[in-house]
Amino acid sequence: MKPLLIIPALLFFISCGNQNKVKINGQTEKLEEQQAIPMYPRASNFVESPVRNRLTLELNRPVSEVYALVGDPGNMPKYSAGLEKVETESENGRYSSYTCYFKPKTEGEEGLVHTEAIVWQEVNQGWASMSHGPDEFGFTDYFSLTTLEDKGNKTLLQWHMHYNHESLEMIKMNASELVDVFDDMGNQLIAKFGGKVVENFAKPNL
């Protein structure tokens, strides 16, 4: 599968003005620091497929520590048992694409190789990738969004997976397999950082 052209990253921040006020001990005080609210890309701007799977984790470490691992697609084999390796390509200091080399399901067979273009990336916020396809199994409009949300000394980490297929049975099969994949990923990340699984969601019939 050939890497797709990279879509330039958009601006996804809205800064709150520092003129907001709060009451402290009955006194009205100005907030001195600006707060940035992360705005993540909309899947509908890239693909027509709905979200089929989503994993949500609450991890007991700050965003910067979690991002140091999951912010690099090349690190995915460190917390996903099904991956042999992931190779990344970069342009101007940012990841532009990555290629996953999956372990074969049966000994003696060749593992699946899948390439996606990275279409958005922000430090400590996440990254998104896509492949229009169809891939080797006929899946199209594949879009993956990884987001990190700062919860003080904790991190809310989510993966959103979008994809289509002309066969509903293939969609159901893929959704079921991704539940198992996400279960493995979630357990490995919780073992590294502590925390809990908030949601391992699959809705293939959308």
N, C-alpha and C. Protein backbone atom coordinates (compact mmCIF):
# COMPACT_ATOMS: atom_id res chain seq x y z
N MET A 1 0.84 -1.18 0.00
CA MET A 1 0.00 0.00 0.00
C MET A 1 0.88 1.24 0.00
N LYS A 2 0.61 2.21 -0.88
CA LYS A 2 1.46 3.37 -0.99
C LYS A 2 1.04 4.44 0.01
N PRO A 3 2.01 5.13 0.62
CA PRO A 3 1.66 6.21 1.54
C PRO A 3 0.88 7.28 0.80
N LEU A 4 -0.06 7.92 1.46
CA LEU A 4 -0.86 8.97 0.87
C LEU A 4 -0.16 10.30 1.01
N LEU A 5 -0.61 11.30 0.21
CA LEU A 5 -0.10 12.64 0.36
C LEU A 5 -0.47 13.18 1.73
N ILE A 6 0.42 13.94 2.31
CA ILE A 6 0.19 14.45 3.65
C ILE A 6 -0.68 15.69 3.58
N ILE A 7 -1.71 15.74 4.39
CA ILE A 7 -2.56 16.90 4.50
C ILE A 7 -1.96 17.82 5.55
N PRO A 8 -1.73 19.09 5.23
CA PRO A 8 -1.09 19.99 6.20
C PRO A 8 -1.86 20.05 7.49
N ALA A 9 -1.12 20.12 8.58
CA ALA A 9 -1.76 20.21 9.90
C ALA A 9 -2.48 21.54 10.02
N LEU A 10 -3.63 21.52 10.69
CA LEU A 10 -4.42 22.72 10.93
C LEU A 10 -4.18 23.20 12.35
N LEU A 11 -4.67 24.38 12.65
CA LEU A 11 -4.57 24.88 14.02
C LEU A 11 -5.70 24.32 14.82
N PHE A 12 -5.39 23.72 15.98
CA PHE A 12 -6.41 23.08 16.80
C PHE A 12 -6.39 23.59 18.23
N PHE A 13 -6.02 24.88 18.44
CA PHE A 13 -6.04 25.44 19.78
C PHE A 13 -6.95 26.65 19.83
N ILE A 14 -7.68 26.81 20.90
CA ILE A 14 -8.39 28.05 21.20
C ILE A 14 -7.87 28.52 22.55
N SER A 15 -7.27 29.71 22.60
CA SER A 15 -6.71 30.20 23.86
C SER A 15 -7.76 31.01 24.59
N CYS A 16 -7.89 30.73 25.87
CA CYS A 16 -8.83 31.48 26.71
C CYS A 16 -8.13 32.75 27.19
N GLY A 17 -8.81 33.88 27.14
CA GLY A 17 -8.22 35.14 27.56
C GLY A 17 -7.89 35.14 29.05
N ASN A 18 -6.86 35.91 29.41
CA ASN A 18 -6.47 35.93 30.81
C ASN A 18 -7.27 36.94 31.62
N GLN A 19 -8.36 37.46 31.03
CA GLN A 19 -9.23 38.36 31.76
C GLN A 19 -10.34 37.62 32.50
N ASN A 20 -10.40 36.31 32.39
CA ASN A 20 -11.36 35.54 33.16
C ASN A 20 -11.10 35.75 34.65
N LYS A 21 -12.17 35.71 35.44
CA LYS A 21 -12.02 35.95 36.87
C LYS A 21 -12.60 34.80 37.68
N VAL A 22 -12.07 34.59 38.87
CA VAL A 22 -12.58 33.57 39.76
C VAL A 22 -12.62 34.16 41.17
N LYS A 23 -13.46 33.60 42.00
CA LYS A 23 -13.55 34.06 43.38
C LYS A 23 -12.71 33.17 44.28
N ILE A 24 -11.81 33.77 45.03
CA ILE A 24 -10.95 33.05 45.96
C ILE A 24 -11.13 33.71 47.33
N ASN A 25 -11.61 32.92 48.30
CA ASN A 25 -11.86 33.44 49.65
C ASN A 25 -12.73 34.70 49.62
N GLY A 26 -13.72 34.66 48.73
CA GLY A 26 -14.66 35.78 48.65
C GLY A 26 -14.16 36.95 47.83
N GLN A 27 -12.90 36.91 47.37
CA GLN A 27 -12.33 37.99 46.58
C GLN A 27 -12.30 37.60 45.10
N THR A 28 -12.60 38.58 44.26
CA THR A 28 -12.55 38.32 42.83
C THR A 28 -11.12 38.53 42.34
N GLU A 29 -10.56 37.50 41.73
CA GLU A 29 -9.17 37.56 41.25
C GLU A 29 -9.13 37.22 39.77
N LYS A 30 -8.19 37.84 39.07
CA LYS A 30 -7.98 37.52 37.66
C LYS A 30 -7.12 36.27 37.54
N LEU A 31 -7.43 35.47 36.54
CA LEU A 31 -6.57 34.34 36.24
C LEU A 31 -5.35 34.86 35.51
N GLU A 32 -4.18 34.56 36.03
CA GLU A 32 -2.95 35.11 35.45
C GLU A 32 -2.48 34.32 34.24
N GLU A 33 -2.81 33.02 34.21
CA GLU A 33 -2.29 32.18 33.13
C GLU A 33 -3.36 31.89 32.12
N GLN A 34 -3.00 31.91 30.85
CA GLN A 34 -3.90 31.52 29.79
C GLN A 34 -4.07 30.01 29.80
N GLN A 35 -5.28 29.57 29.47
CA GLN A 35 -5.55 28.15 29.40
C GLN A 35 -5.81 27.78 27.94
N ALA A 36 -5.18 26.74 27.48
CA ALA A 36 -5.36 26.28 26.10
C ALA A 36 -6.27 25.06 26.09
N ILE A 37 -7.32 25.13 25.29
CA ILE A 37 -8.24 24.01 25.16
C ILE A 37 -7.91 23.27 23.87
N PRO A 38 -7.49 22.02 23.94
CA PRO A 38 -7.13 21.30 22.71
C PRO A 38 -8.35 21.06 21.84
N MET A 39 -8.20 21.30 20.56
CA MET A 39 -9.25 21.04 19.58
C MET A 39 -8.73 19.98 18.62
N TYR A 40 -9.30 18.80 18.68
CA TYR A 40 -8.81 17.69 17.88
C TYR A 40 -9.46 17.69 16.50
N PRO A 41 -8.81 17.12 15.50
CA PRO A 41 -9.38 17.10 14.15
C PRO A 41 -10.65 16.26 14.09
N ARG A 42 -11.56 16.64 13.21
CA ARG A 42 -12.79 15.89 12.99
C ARG A 42 -12.54 14.83 11.93
N ALA A 43 -12.92 13.60 12.23
CA ALA A 43 -12.75 12.52 11.26
C ALA A 43 -13.50 12.81 9.97
N SER A 44 -14.64 13.50 10.08
CA SER A 44 -15.47 13.78 8.90
C SER A 44 -14.78 14.70 7.90
N ASN A 45 -13.71 15.39 8.33
CA ASN A 45 -12.94 16.21 7.40
C ASN A 45 -12.00 15.39 6.54
N PHE A 46 -11.85 14.10 6.87
CA PHE A 46 -10.90 13.25 6.17
C PHE A 46 -11.56 12.03 5.52
N VAL A 47 -12.53 11.43 6.21
CA VAL A 47 -13.15 10.21 5.71
C VAL A 47 -14.66 10.26 5.93
N GLU A 48 -15.37 9.35 5.29
CA GLU A 48 -16.83 9.27 5.45
C GLU A 48 -17.24 8.18 6.44
N SER A 49 -16.31 7.39 6.90
CA SER A 49 -16.64 6.27 7.77
C SER A 49 -16.94 6.74 9.19
N PRO A 50 -17.85 6.05 9.89
CA PRO A 50 -18.14 6.38 11.29
C PRO A 50 -17.12 5.76 12.22
N VAL A 51 -17.15 6.17 13.48
CA VAL A 51 -16.29 5.53 14.48
C VAL A 51 -16.85 4.13 14.73
N ARG A 52 -15.98 3.13 14.63
CA ARG A 52 -16.37 1.73 14.85
C ARG A 52 -15.85 1.20 16.19
N ASN A 53 -14.69 1.69 16.59
CA ASN A 53 -14.08 1.25 17.86
C ASN A 53 -13.49 2.45 18.57
N ARG A 54 -13.50 2.39 19.89
CA ARG A 54 -12.86 3.44 20.68
C ARG A 54 -12.37 2.84 21.99
N LEU A 55 -11.14 3.16 22.35
CA LEU A 55 -10.57 2.77 23.63
C LEU A 55 -10.28 4.03 24.43
N THR A 56 -10.72 4.05 25.68
CA THR A 56 -10.47 5.18 26.58
C THR A 56 -9.78 4.66 27.83
N LEU A 57 -8.63 5.25 28.13
CA LEU A 57 -7.87 4.88 29.33
C LEU A 57 -7.66 6.10 30.20
N GLU A 58 -7.71 5.90 31.51
CA GLU A 58 -7.28 6.91 32.46
C GLU A 58 -5.97 6.40 33.06
N LEU A 59 -4.88 7.09 32.74
CA LEU A 59 -3.56 6.65 33.17
C LEU A 59 -3.02 7.56 34.27
N ASN A 60 -2.31 6.97 35.21
CA ASN A 60 -1.88 7.69 36.41
C ASN A 60 -0.54 8.39 36.25
N ARG A 61 -0.32 8.97 35.09
CA ARG A 61 0.91 9.73 34.85
C ARG A 61 0.56 10.98 34.05
N PRO A 62 1.40 12.04 34.15
CA PRO A 62 1.13 13.27 33.40
C PRO A 62 1.19 13.04 31.89
N VAL A 63 0.54 13.94 31.15
CA VAL A 63 0.47 13.84 29.70
C VAL A 63 1.85 13.73 29.06
N SER A 64 2.81 14.52 29.54
CA SER A 64 4.13 14.52 28.90
C SER A 64 4.79 13.15 28.96
N GLU A 65 4.60 12.41 30.06
CA GLU A 65 5.19 11.08 30.18
C GLU A 65 4.49 10.08 29.27
N VAL A 66 3.17 10.16 29.19
CA VAL A 66 2.42 9.24 28.33
C VAL A 66 2.72 9.54 26.86
N TYR A 67 2.78 10.83 26.51
CA TYR A 67 3.05 11.21 25.12
C TYR A 67 4.44 10.77 24.68
N ALA A 68 5.39 10.76 25.60
CA ALA A 68 6.76 10.33 25.26
C ALA A 68 6.75 8.92 24.69
N LEU A 69 5.77 8.12 25.08
CA LEU A 69 5.65 6.76 24.54
C LEU A 69 4.70 6.70 23.36
N VAL A 70 3.46 7.13 23.55
CA VAL A 70 2.44 6.93 22.51
C VAL A 70 2.48 8.00 21.43
N GLY A 71 3.20 9.08 21.64
CA GLY A 71 3.30 10.12 20.63
C GLY A 71 4.15 9.74 19.45
N ASP A 72 4.93 8.68 19.58
CA ASP A 72 5.78 8.18 18.49
C ASP A 72 5.16 6.89 17.97
N PRO A 73 4.62 6.88 16.74
CA PRO A 73 4.03 5.65 16.21
C PRO A 73 4.99 4.47 16.19
N GLY A 74 6.28 4.77 16.11
CA GLY A 74 7.27 3.71 16.09
C GLY A 74 7.34 2.94 17.40
N ASN A 75 6.75 3.48 18.47
CA ASN A 75 6.75 2.80 19.76
C ASN A 75 5.60 1.81 19.94
N MET A 76 4.69 1.74 18.98
CA MET A 76 3.51 0.90 19.16
C MET A 76 3.83 -0.56 19.50
N PRO A 77 4.89 -1.16 18.95
CA PRO A 77 5.19 -2.55 19.34
C PRO A 77 5.52 -2.71 20.82
N LYS A 78 5.84 -1.60 21.51
CA LYS A 78 6.16 -1.68 22.93
C LYS A 78 4.93 -1.91 23.79
N TYR A 79 3.73 -1.68 23.21
CA TYR A 79 2.51 -1.90 23.99
C TYR A 79 1.41 -2.58 23.16
N SER A 80 1.80 -3.21 22.05
CA SER A 80 0.84 -3.97 21.23
C SER A 80 1.48 -5.28 20.81
N ALA A 81 0.96 -6.39 21.32
CA ALA A 81 1.59 -7.69 21.11
C ALA A 81 1.54 -8.15 19.66
N GLY A 82 0.61 -7.60 18.87
CA GLY A 82 0.45 -8.08 17.50
C GLY A 82 1.40 -7.48 16.49
N LEU A 83 2.23 -6.52 16.91
CA LEU A 83 3.11 -5.82 15.98
C LEU A 83 4.55 -6.30 16.09
N GLU A 84 5.13 -6.60 14.94
CA GLU A 84 6.55 -6.97 14.88
C GLU A 84 7.41 -5.72 14.96
N LYS A 85 7.07 -4.71 14.15
CA LYS A 85 7.79 -3.45 14.15
C LYS A 85 6.94 -2.40 13.44
N VAL A 86 7.28 -1.14 13.66
CA VAL A 86 6.65 -0.02 12.96
C VAL A 86 7.74 0.91 12.48
N GLU A 87 7.74 1.20 11.21
CA GLU A 87 8.71 2.12 10.62
C GLU A 87 8.03 3.45 10.33
N THR A 88 8.69 4.55 10.68
CA THR A 88 8.12 5.88 10.47
C THR A 88 8.93 6.66 9.44
N GLU A 89 8.24 7.58 8.77
CA GLU A 89 8.88 8.54 7.87
C GLU A 89 8.60 9.93 8.41
N SER A 90 9.56 10.84 8.25
CA SER A 90 9.40 12.20 8.77
C SER A 90 9.68 13.23 7.70
N GLU A 91 9.01 14.39 7.84
CA GLU A 91 9.26 15.54 6.98
C GLU A 91 9.24 16.79 7.85
N ASN A 92 10.30 17.58 7.76
CA ASN A 92 10.39 18.84 8.51
C ASN A 92 10.17 18.64 10.00
N GLY A 93 10.73 17.56 10.54
CA GLY A 93 10.67 17.32 11.96
C GLY A 93 9.37 16.73 12.47
N ARG A 94 8.44 16.41 11.56
CA ARG A 94 7.18 15.80 11.95
C ARG A 94 7.00 14.48 11.24
N TYR A 95 6.30 13.56 11.89
CA TYR A 95 6.02 12.28 11.25
C TYR A 95 5.08 12.51 10.07
N SER A 96 5.37 11.86 8.96
CA SER A 96 4.53 11.99 7.77
C SER A 96 3.79 10.70 7.44
N SER A 97 4.34 9.56 7.82
CA SER A 97 3.66 8.29 7.59
C SER A 97 4.30 7.23 8.47
N TYR A 98 3.60 6.11 8.60
CA TYR A 98 4.17 4.97 9.32
C TYR A 98 3.68 3.68 8.68
N THR A 99 4.49 2.65 8.79
CA THR A 99 4.17 1.33 8.23
C THR A 99 4.23 0.29 9.34
N CYS A 100 3.12 -0.39 9.55
CA CYS A 100 3.03 -1.44 10.56
C CYS A 100 3.33 -2.80 9.94
N TYR A 101 4.19 -3.55 10.60
CA TYR A 101 4.48 -4.93 10.21
C TYR A 101 3.90 -5.84 11.29
N PHE A 102 2.77 -6.45 10.97
CA PHE A 102 2.08 -7.28 11.94
C PHE A 102 2.67 -8.68 12.00
N LYS A 103 2.64 -9.26 13.18
CA LYS A 103 3.08 -10.63 13.32
C LYS A 103 2.10 -11.56 12.61
N PRO A 104 2.59 -12.61 11.95
CA PRO A 104 1.66 -13.55 11.28
C PRO A 104 0.79 -14.26 12.29
N LYS A 105 -0.47 -14.49 11.91
CA LYS A 105 -1.39 -15.20 12.80
C LYS A 105 -1.09 -16.68 12.85
N THR A 106 -0.51 -17.19 11.75
CA THR A 106 -0.17 -18.61 11.67
C THR A 106 1.30 -18.74 11.31
N GLU A 107 2.00 -19.64 11.98
CA GLU A 107 3.42 -19.83 11.73
C GLU A 107 3.65 -20.22 10.28
N GLY A 108 4.62 -19.58 9.67
CA GLY A 108 4.95 -19.85 8.28
C GLY A 108 4.31 -18.88 7.30
N GLU A 109 3.29 -18.16 7.74
CA GLU A 109 2.65 -17.16 6.89
C GLU A 109 3.37 -15.81 7.02
N GLU A 110 3.13 -14.95 6.05
CA GLU A 110 3.66 -13.60 6.12
C GLU A 110 2.67 -12.71 6.85
N GLY A 111 3.18 -11.82 7.68
CA GLY A 111 2.32 -10.89 8.39
C GLY A 111 1.86 -9.75 7.50
N LEU A 112 0.73 -9.16 7.85
CA LEU A 112 0.18 -8.03 7.12
C LEU A 112 1.09 -6.82 7.25
N VAL A 113 1.21 -6.05 6.17
CA VAL A 113 1.95 -4.79 6.18
C VAL A 113 0.97 -3.68 5.79
N HIS A 114 0.89 -2.65 6.63
CA HIS A 114 -0.11 -1.60 6.41
C HIS A 114 0.54 -0.24 6.62
N THR A 115 0.34 0.66 5.65
CA THR A 115 0.90 2.01 5.71
C THR A 115 -0.20 3.05 5.79
N GLU A 116 0.02 4.05 6.64
CA GLU A 116 -0.92 5.16 6.75
C GLU A 116 -0.17 6.49 6.74
N ALA A 117 -0.83 7.51 6.20
CA ALA A 117 -0.29 8.87 6.23
C ALA A 117 -0.70 9.55 7.52
N ILE A 118 0.21 10.27 8.14
CA ILE A 118 -0.11 11.02 9.34
C ILE A 118 -0.57 12.42 8.91
N VAL A 119 -1.79 12.78 9.30
CA VAL A 119 -2.41 14.01 8.81
C VAL A 119 -2.52 15.08 9.89
N TRP A 120 -2.22 14.73 11.13
CA TRP A 120 -2.24 15.71 12.22
C TRP A 120 -1.35 15.21 13.34
N GLN A 121 -0.64 16.15 13.97
CA GLN A 121 0.24 15.80 15.10
C GLN A 121 0.51 17.05 15.92
N GLU A 122 0.25 16.97 17.23
CA GLU A 122 0.57 18.04 18.15
C GLU A 122 1.18 17.43 19.41
N VAL A 123 2.29 17.99 19.85
CA VAL A 123 2.97 17.48 21.04
C VAL A 123 2.03 17.53 22.24
N ASN A 124 1.98 16.43 22.99
CA ASN A 124 1.16 16.28 24.19
C ASN A 124 -0.34 16.33 23.93
N GLN A 125 -0.74 16.31 22.66
CA GLN A 125 -2.16 16.26 22.32
C GLN A 125 -2.53 14.99 21.54
N GLY A 126 -1.65 14.57 20.64
CA GLY A 126 -1.91 13.34 19.91
C GLY A 126 -1.56 13.41 18.45
N TRP A 127 -2.11 12.48 17.69
CA TRP A 127 -1.85 12.41 16.25
C TRP A 127 -2.97 11.63 15.57
N ALA A 128 -3.10 11.85 14.27
CA ALA A 128 -4.13 11.18 13.48
C ALA A 128 -3.52 10.68 12.18
N SER A 129 -4.03 9.55 11.70
CA SER A 129 -3.53 8.99 10.45
C SER A 129 -4.69 8.43 9.63
N MET A 130 -4.45 8.23 8.34
CA MET A 130 -5.53 7.76 7.48
C MET A 130 -5.00 6.98 6.29
N SER A 131 -5.89 6.19 5.72
CA SER A 131 -5.64 5.46 4.47
C SER A 131 -6.99 5.27 3.80
N HIS A 132 -7.12 5.78 2.58
CA HIS A 132 -8.41 5.64 1.89
C HIS A 132 -8.67 4.20 1.44
N GLY A 133 -7.60 3.47 1.11
CA GLY A 133 -7.78 2.08 0.69
C GLY A 133 -8.37 1.99 -0.71
N PRO A 134 -8.91 0.81 -1.07
CA PRO A 134 -9.06 -0.36 -0.19
C PRO A 134 -7.72 -1.06 0.09
N ASP A 135 -7.62 -1.64 1.31
CA ASP A 135 -6.42 -2.38 1.65
C ASP A 135 -6.54 -3.82 1.20
N GLU A 136 -5.65 -4.68 1.69
CA GLU A 136 -5.61 -6.06 1.25
C GLU A 136 -6.91 -6.82 1.57
N PHE A 137 -7.68 -6.31 2.56
CA PHE A 137 -8.91 -6.98 2.95
C PHE A 137 -10.15 -6.21 2.51
N GLY A 138 -9.95 -5.15 1.75
CA GLY A 138 -11.09 -4.42 1.22
C GLY A 138 -11.59 -3.29 2.10
N PHE A 139 -10.89 -2.97 3.19
CA PHE A 139 -11.33 -1.88 4.05
C PHE A 139 -10.97 -0.53 3.43
N THR A 140 -11.88 0.43 3.58
CA THR A 140 -11.69 1.77 3.02
C THR A 140 -11.93 2.83 4.10
N ASP A 141 -11.56 4.06 3.76
CA ASP A 141 -11.78 5.20 4.66
C ASP A 141 -11.32 4.90 6.08
N TYR A 142 -10.08 4.45 6.18
CA TYR A 142 -9.51 4.09 7.47
C TYR A 142 -8.91 5.34 8.11
N PHE A 143 -9.38 5.67 9.31
CA PHE A 143 -8.92 6.87 10.01
C PHE A 143 -8.71 6.53 11.48
N SER A 144 -7.52 6.84 11.99
CA SER A 144 -7.18 6.57 13.39
C SER A 144 -6.81 7.87 14.07
N LEU A 145 -7.44 8.15 15.21
CA LEU A 145 -7.16 9.37 15.96
C LEU A 145 -6.77 9.00 17.39
N THR A 146 -5.57 9.41 17.78
CA THR A 146 -5.07 9.20 19.14
C THR A 146 -5.04 10.54 19.84
N THR A 147 -5.73 10.66 20.98
CA THR A 147 -5.78 11.93 21.70
C THR A 147 -5.36 11.75 23.15
N LEU A 148 -4.72 12.79 23.69
CA LEU A 148 -4.34 12.82 25.10
C LEU A 148 -4.91 14.08 25.72
N GLU A 149 -5.53 13.94 26.88
CA GLU A 149 -6.11 15.08 27.58
C GLU A 149 -5.51 15.16 28.97
N ASP A 150 -5.02 16.35 29.30
CA ASP A 150 -4.37 16.59 30.59
C ASP A 150 -5.40 16.61 31.71
N LYS A 151 -5.22 15.73 32.68
CA LYS A 151 -6.07 15.68 33.87
C LYS A 151 -5.21 15.88 35.12
N GLY A 152 -4.37 16.89 35.07
CA GLY A 152 -3.47 17.14 36.20
C GLY A 152 -2.34 16.14 36.21
N ASN A 153 -2.29 15.29 37.21
CA ASN A 153 -1.27 14.25 37.26
C ASN A 153 -1.72 12.96 36.57
N LYS A 154 -2.84 13.04 35.87
CA LYS A 154 -3.34 11.89 35.12
C LYS A 154 -3.56 12.28 33.66
N THR A 155 -3.74 11.27 32.81
CA THR A 155 -3.95 11.48 31.38
C THR A 155 -5.14 10.67 30.91
N LEU A 156 -6.04 11.32 30.19
CA LEU A 156 -7.12 10.60 29.51
C LEU A 156 -6.65 10.33 28.09
N LEU A 157 -6.44 9.06 27.77
CA LEU A 157 -5.91 8.65 26.47
C LEU A 157 -6.99 7.92 25.71
N GLN A 158 -7.20 8.32 24.44
CA GLN A 158 -8.23 7.69 23.62
C GLN A 158 -7.69 7.34 22.23
N TRP A 159 -8.17 6.20 21.73
CA TRP A 159 -8.00 5.84 20.32
C TRP A 159 -9.39 5.76 19.70
N HIS A 160 -9.57 6.42 18.55
CA HIS A 160 -10.81 6.35 17.80
C HIS A 160 -10.48 5.71 16.45
N MET A 161 -11.22 4.68 16.07
CA MET A 161 -10.96 3.98 14.82
C MET A 161 -12.19 4.06 13.91
N HIS A 162 -11.98 4.58 12.70
CA HIS A 162 -13.03 4.69 11.68
C HIS A 162 -12.64 3.82 10.49
N TYR A 163 -13.59 3.13 9.90
CA TYR A 163 -13.32 2.35 8.69
C TYR A 163 -14.64 1.89 8.09
N ASN A 164 -14.58 1.55 6.79
CA ASN A 164 -15.73 1.02 6.07
C ASN A 164 -15.35 -0.24 5.32
N HIS A 165 -16.35 -1.02 4.95
CA HIS A 165 -16.19 -2.19 4.10
C HIS A 165 -17.53 -2.48 3.46
N GLU A 166 -17.52 -2.98 2.25
CA GLU A 166 -18.79 -3.28 1.58
C GLU A 166 -19.53 -4.44 2.24
N SER A 167 -18.80 -5.24 3.04
CA SER A 167 -19.39 -6.38 3.74
C SER A 167 -19.57 -6.05 5.22
N LEU A 168 -20.83 -6.13 5.70
CA LEU A 168 -21.08 -5.90 7.12
C LEU A 168 -20.41 -6.96 7.97
N GLU A 169 -20.31 -8.18 7.46
CA GLU A 169 -19.65 -9.25 8.21
C GLU A 169 -18.17 -8.94 8.45
N MET A 170 -17.52 -8.36 7.44
CA MET A 170 -16.12 -7.98 7.60
C MET A 170 -15.98 -6.86 8.63
N ILE A 171 -16.92 -5.92 8.63
CA ILE A 171 -16.88 -4.84 9.61
C ILE A 171 -17.04 -5.41 11.02
N LYS A 172 -18.00 -6.33 11.19
CA LYS A 172 -18.22 -6.94 12.50
C LYS A 172 -16.99 -7.71 12.96
N MET A 173 -16.36 -8.44 12.03
CA MET A 173 -15.18 -9.21 12.38
C MET A 173 -14.04 -8.28 12.82
N ASN A 174 -13.83 -7.20 12.07
CA ASN A 174 -12.75 -6.28 12.39
C ASN A 174 -13.02 -5.58 13.72
N ALA A 175 -14.26 -5.19 13.95
CA ALA A 175 -14.61 -4.52 15.21
C ALA A 175 -14.36 -5.44 16.40
N SER A 176 -14.70 -6.72 16.24
CA SER A 176 -14.48 -7.69 17.32
C SER A 176 -12.99 -7.89 17.58
N GLU A 177 -12.21 -7.97 16.51
CA GLU A 177 -10.77 -8.17 16.67
C GLU A 177 -10.12 -6.95 17.32
N LEU A 178 -10.61 -5.74 16.98
CA LEU A 178 -10.03 -4.54 17.57
C LEU A 178 -10.34 -4.44 19.06
N VAL A 179 -11.46 -4.99 19.50
CA VAL A 179 -11.73 -5.03 20.94
C VAL A 179 -10.61 -5.80 21.65
N ASP A 180 -10.21 -6.93 21.07
CA ASP A 180 -9.13 -7.73 21.66
C ASP A 180 -7.79 -6.99 21.58
N VAL A 181 -7.54 -6.33 20.45
CA VAL A 181 -6.30 -5.56 20.30
C VAL A 181 -6.24 -4.44 21.33
N PHE A 182 -7.34 -3.72 21.48
CA PHE A 182 -7.40 -2.63 22.45
C PHE A 182 -7.27 -3.15 23.87
N ASP A 183 -7.82 -4.31 24.14
CA ASP A 183 -7.70 -4.90 25.47
C ASP A 183 -6.23 -5.15 25.80
N ASP A 184 -5.49 -5.68 24.83
CA ASP A 184 -4.06 -5.92 25.01
C ASP A 184 -3.31 -4.61 25.21
N MET A 185 -3.57 -3.63 24.35
CA MET A 185 -2.89 -2.33 24.46
C MET A 185 -3.19 -1.66 25.80
N GLY A 186 -4.47 -1.66 26.17
CA GLY A 186 -4.85 -1.03 27.42
C GLY A 186 -4.17 -1.65 28.62
N ASN A 187 -4.14 -2.98 28.66
CA ASN A 187 -3.51 -3.68 29.79
C ASN A 187 -2.01 -3.39 29.86
N GLN A 188 -1.36 -3.34 28.70
CA GLN A 188 0.08 -3.07 28.71
C GLN A 188 0.38 -1.64 29.17
N LEU A 189 -0.43 -0.68 28.73
CA LEU A 189 -0.20 0.70 29.13
C LEU A 189 -0.52 0.91 30.62
N ILE A 190 -1.54 0.24 31.11
CA ILE A 190 -1.85 0.33 32.54
C ILE A 190 -0.73 -0.30 33.37
N ALA A 191 -0.11 -1.37 32.86
CA ALA A 191 1.02 -1.98 33.56
C ALA A 191 2.20 -1.01 33.63
N LYS A 192 2.35 -0.14 32.61
CA LYS A 192 3.47 0.81 32.58
C LYS A 192 3.18 2.05 33.44
N PHE A 193 1.96 2.57 33.35
CA PHE A 193 1.65 3.86 33.95
C PHE A 193 0.69 3.79 35.13
N GLY A 194 0.02 2.66 35.32
CA GLY A 194 -1.06 2.60 36.29
C GLY A 194 -2.31 3.23 35.72
N GLY A 195 -3.45 2.90 36.28
CA GLY A 195 -4.69 3.49 35.80
C GLY A 195 -5.77 2.46 35.57
N LYS A 196 -6.70 2.77 34.66
CA LYS A 196 -7.82 1.88 34.43
C LYS A 196 -8.38 2.07 33.02
N VAL A 197 -9.09 1.04 32.55
CA VAL A 197 -9.83 1.13 31.29
C VAL A 197 -11.18 1.78 31.59
N VAL A 198 -11.47 2.89 30.93
CA VAL A 198 -12.75 3.55 31.08
C VAL A 198 -13.76 2.97 30.10
N GLU A 199 -13.30 2.63 28.89
CA GLU A 199 -14.20 2.15 27.85
C GLU A 199 -13.43 1.40 26.78
N ASN A 200 -13.97 0.27 26.35
CA ASN A 200 -13.48 -0.43 25.17
C ASN A 200 -14.72 -0.68 24.32
N PHE A 201 -14.97 0.24 23.41
CA PHE A 201 -16.25 0.39 22.72
C PHE A 201 -16.17 -0.16 21.31
N ALA A 202 -17.20 -0.87 20.89
CA ALA A 202 -17.32 -1.33 19.49
C ALA A 202 -18.77 -1.19 19.07
N LYS A 203 -18.99 -0.54 17.93
CA LYS A 203 -20.33 -0.41 17.37
C LYS A 203 -20.26 -0.58 15.86
N PRO A 204 -20.17 -1.80 15.38
CA PRO A 204 -19.94 -2.03 13.95
C PRO A 204 -21.15 -1.74 13.07
N ASN A 205 -22.34 -1.61 13.65
CA ASN A 205 -23.54 -1.50 12.82
C ASN A 205 -23.94 -0.07 12.50
N LEU A 206 -23.10 0.91 12.84
CA LEU A 206 -23.42 2.29 12.53
C LEU A 206 -23.60 2.47 11.02
